[in-house]
Protein backbone atom coordinates (compact mmCIF):
# COMPACT_ATOMS: atom_id res chain seq x y z
CA MET A 1 -1.11 -18.74 -2.11
CA GLN A 2 -1.04 -16.09 -4.84
CA ARG A 3 -3.27 -13.09 -4.24
CA ALA A 4 -2.09 -10.95 -7.10
CA GLY A 5 -4.84 -8.76 -8.43
CA LEU A 6 -7.44 -9.99 -5.95
CA LEU A 7 -9.27 -6.76 -5.38
CA ALA A 8 -11.80 -8.80 -3.44
CA GLY A 9 -9.10 -8.89 -0.78
CA VAL A 10 -8.84 -5.09 -0.67
CA VAL A 11 -11.43 -2.63 0.60
CA LEU A 12 -10.87 1.04 -0.17
CA ILE A 13 -12.27 3.64 2.21
CA PRO A 14 -12.17 7.34 1.38
CA GLY A 15 -11.42 9.47 4.40
CA MET A 16 -14.43 11.69 4.71
CA LEU A 17 -14.87 11.84 8.48
CA VAL A 18 -13.37 14.68 10.49
CA PHE A 19 -12.97 13.93 14.19
CA SER A 20 -11.51 17.21 15.41
CA SER A 21 -10.98 20.78 14.34
CA SER A 22 -7.27 20.04 13.82
CA ALA A 23 -7.90 17.15 11.44
CA HIS A 24 -5.04 15.98 9.28
CA ALA A 25 -5.04 13.93 6.14
CA ASP A 26 -3.05 10.71 5.89
CA LEU A 27 -2.77 7.57 3.80
CA LYS A 28 -3.49 4.61 6.09
CA LEU A 29 -3.54 0.87 5.62
CA CYS A 30 -5.55 -1.46 7.84
CA ASN A 31 -4.66 -5.13 8.03
CA SER A 32 -7.98 -6.93 8.51
CA THR A 33 -6.40 -10.32 7.86
CA SER A 34 -5.47 -13.00 10.37
CA SER A 35 -1.78 -12.65 9.38
CA ARG A 36 1.06 -10.22 9.84
CA VAL A 37 1.72 -8.34 6.59
CA GLY A 38 4.54 -6.29 5.11
CA VAL A 39 3.52 -3.29 3.01
CA ALA A 40 5.27 -1.09 0.45
CA VAL A 41 3.73 2.02 -1.12
CA GLY A 42 4.45 3.76 -4.42
CA TYR A 43 3.32 7.22 -5.52
CA GLN A 44 4.17 10.20 -7.68
CA ASP A 45 4.73 13.56 -6.02
CA ALA A 46 6.07 16.93 -7.19
CA THR A 47 9.60 15.54 -7.54
CA GLY A 48 8.68 12.31 -9.36
CA TRP A 49 8.08 8.65 -8.54
CA ALA A 50 8.88 7.18 -5.14
CA THR A 51 8.49 3.85 -3.36
CA GLU A 52 8.79 3.28 0.38
CA GLY A 53 8.61 0.22 2.61
CA TRP A 54 8.39 -1.94 4.61
CA TRP A 55 5.71 -1.36 7.19
CA ASN A 56 5.16 -4.48 9.27
CA ILE A 57 1.49 -4.45 10.26
CA ALA A 58 0.06 -6.86 12.81
CA SER A 59 -3.26 -8.60 12.26
CA GLN A 60 -6.30 -6.39 12.92
CA THR A 61 -4.32 -3.14 13.17
CA CYS A 62 -3.86 0.02 11.09
CA GLU A 63 -0.75 2.05 10.27
CA THR A 64 -0.21 5.44 8.69
CA LEU A 65 1.88 4.93 5.55
CA LEU A 66 2.16 8.57 4.50
CA LYS A 67 1.52 11.56 6.76
CA GLY A 68 -0.22 14.59 5.32
CA PRO A 69 -2.39 14.88 2.23
CA VAL A 70 -2.31 11.92 -0.17
CA PRO A 71 0.39 12.96 -2.70
CA SER A 72 -1.43 11.88 -5.86
CA ARG A 73 -4.72 10.47 -7.10
CA PHE A 74 -3.18 7.06 -7.79
CA ILE A 75 -1.36 5.20 -5.02
CA TYR A 76 0.32 1.83 -5.52
CA ILE A 77 0.51 -0.96 -2.93
CA HIS A 78 2.42 -4.22 -2.65
CA ALA A 79 1.86 -6.39 0.43
CA LEU A 80 3.26 -9.70 1.65
CA ASP A 81 1.51 -12.19 3.92
CA TYR A 82 4.24 -13.14 6.39
CA ASP A 83 2.32 -15.94 8.11
CA ARG A 84 0.58 -17.83 5.28
CA GLY A 85 2.63 -16.76 2.29
CA GLY A 86 1.32 -15.02 -0.79
CA GLU A 87 1.05 -11.39 -1.74
CA TRP A 88 -1.18 -8.59 -2.91
CA ALA A 89 0.44 -7.46 -6.15
CA GLY A 90 -0.37 -6.03 -9.56
CA ASP A 91 0.93 -5.05 -12.98
CA ASN A 92 2.46 -1.68 -12.03
CA PHE A 93 6.17 -2.32 -11.57
CA MET A 94 8.25 -0.26 -9.15
CA CYS A 95 11.47 -0.66 -7.17
CA THR A 96 11.72 -2.30 -3.74
CA ASP A 97 14.43 -3.73 -1.49
CA ASP A 98 14.42 -6.59 1.02
CA LYS A 99 14.87 -4.27 4.00
CA SER A 100 13.53 -0.81 4.85
CA PHE A 101 13.80 1.49 1.82
CA ALA A 102 12.92 4.83 0.24
CA ILE A 103 13.68 4.80 -3.49
CA ARG A 104 13.27 7.57 -6.05
CA GLY A 105 12.37 6.53 -9.59
CA VAL A 106 10.74 3.38 -10.97
CA GLN A 107 12.95 2.72 -14.00
CA ASP A 108 15.90 0.31 -14.23
CA CYS A 109 15.29 -1.16 -10.76
CA GLN A 110 17.58 -4.15 -11.16
CA GLN A 111 20.35 -2.15 -12.80
CA ARG A 112 20.25 0.22 -9.80
CA GLY A 113 20.52 -2.69 -7.32
CA HIS A 114 16.82 -2.97 -6.40
CA LYS A 115 14.05 -5.50 -7.02
CA ARG A 116 11.39 -4.97 -9.70
CA THR A 117 8.07 -5.56 -7.89
CA GLY A 118 4.42 -5.50 -9.04
CA PHE A 119 2.06 -3.12 -7.23
CA PHE A 120 -1.72 -2.79 -7.50
CA GLU A 121 -3.26 0.61 -8.20
CA VAL A 122 -5.59 2.45 -5.83
CA ASP A 123 -7.63 5.37 -7.22
CA THR A 124 -8.19 7.77 -4.32
CA GLY A 125 -10.37 10.06 -6.42
CA GLU A 126 -8.06 12.90 -5.37
CA SER A 127 -9.17 12.59 -1.74
CA GLN A 128 -6.74 14.14 0.75
CA GLU A 129 -7.22 11.23 3.17
CA TRP A 130 -7.56 7.55 2.30
CA THR A 131 -7.61 4.18 4.05
CA ILE A 132 -6.83 0.90 2.32
CA ARG A 133 -8.01 -2.29 4.05
CA LEU A 134 -6.43 -5.67 3.30
CA THR A 135 -8.79 -8.59 3.94
CA ASP A 136 -8.49 -12.37 3.87
CA PRO A 137 -9.66 -13.70 0.47
CA GLU A 138 -12.10 -16.10 2.14
CA ALA A 139 -13.66 -13.22 4.13
CA SER A 140 -14.57 -11.35 0.94
CA GLU A 141 -16.20 -14.45 -0.61
CA LYS A 142 -18.80 -14.84 2.15
């Protein structure tokens, strides 16, 4: 089951609600699918490009991927469906590894011992807080 580029399977929610006076901004991902998913995130901050992963997110739960203000307007996500197979991917290639990783730079992934993996782009509109929601493809078609 290939889900590459299926934005119908992704719902983007800007974080506009403040629940307390000590509110903090984070990048979150909610897994609204019926499967367990693995998630990697890519972004550019003051020191350059970075990719981090894997967050293992149970069905119908949310996880904070990055604490603090979203580091850049464009965030990149790659996710794997552990239970049914398939992935959420895109045409923005960055470095990943099979196990937990934090990698600086997106060039020469394979030459540096990493995998070259396609990520899809999320435009946060420069919001300081953002939530990405992965959904089952069939749920978005109804």
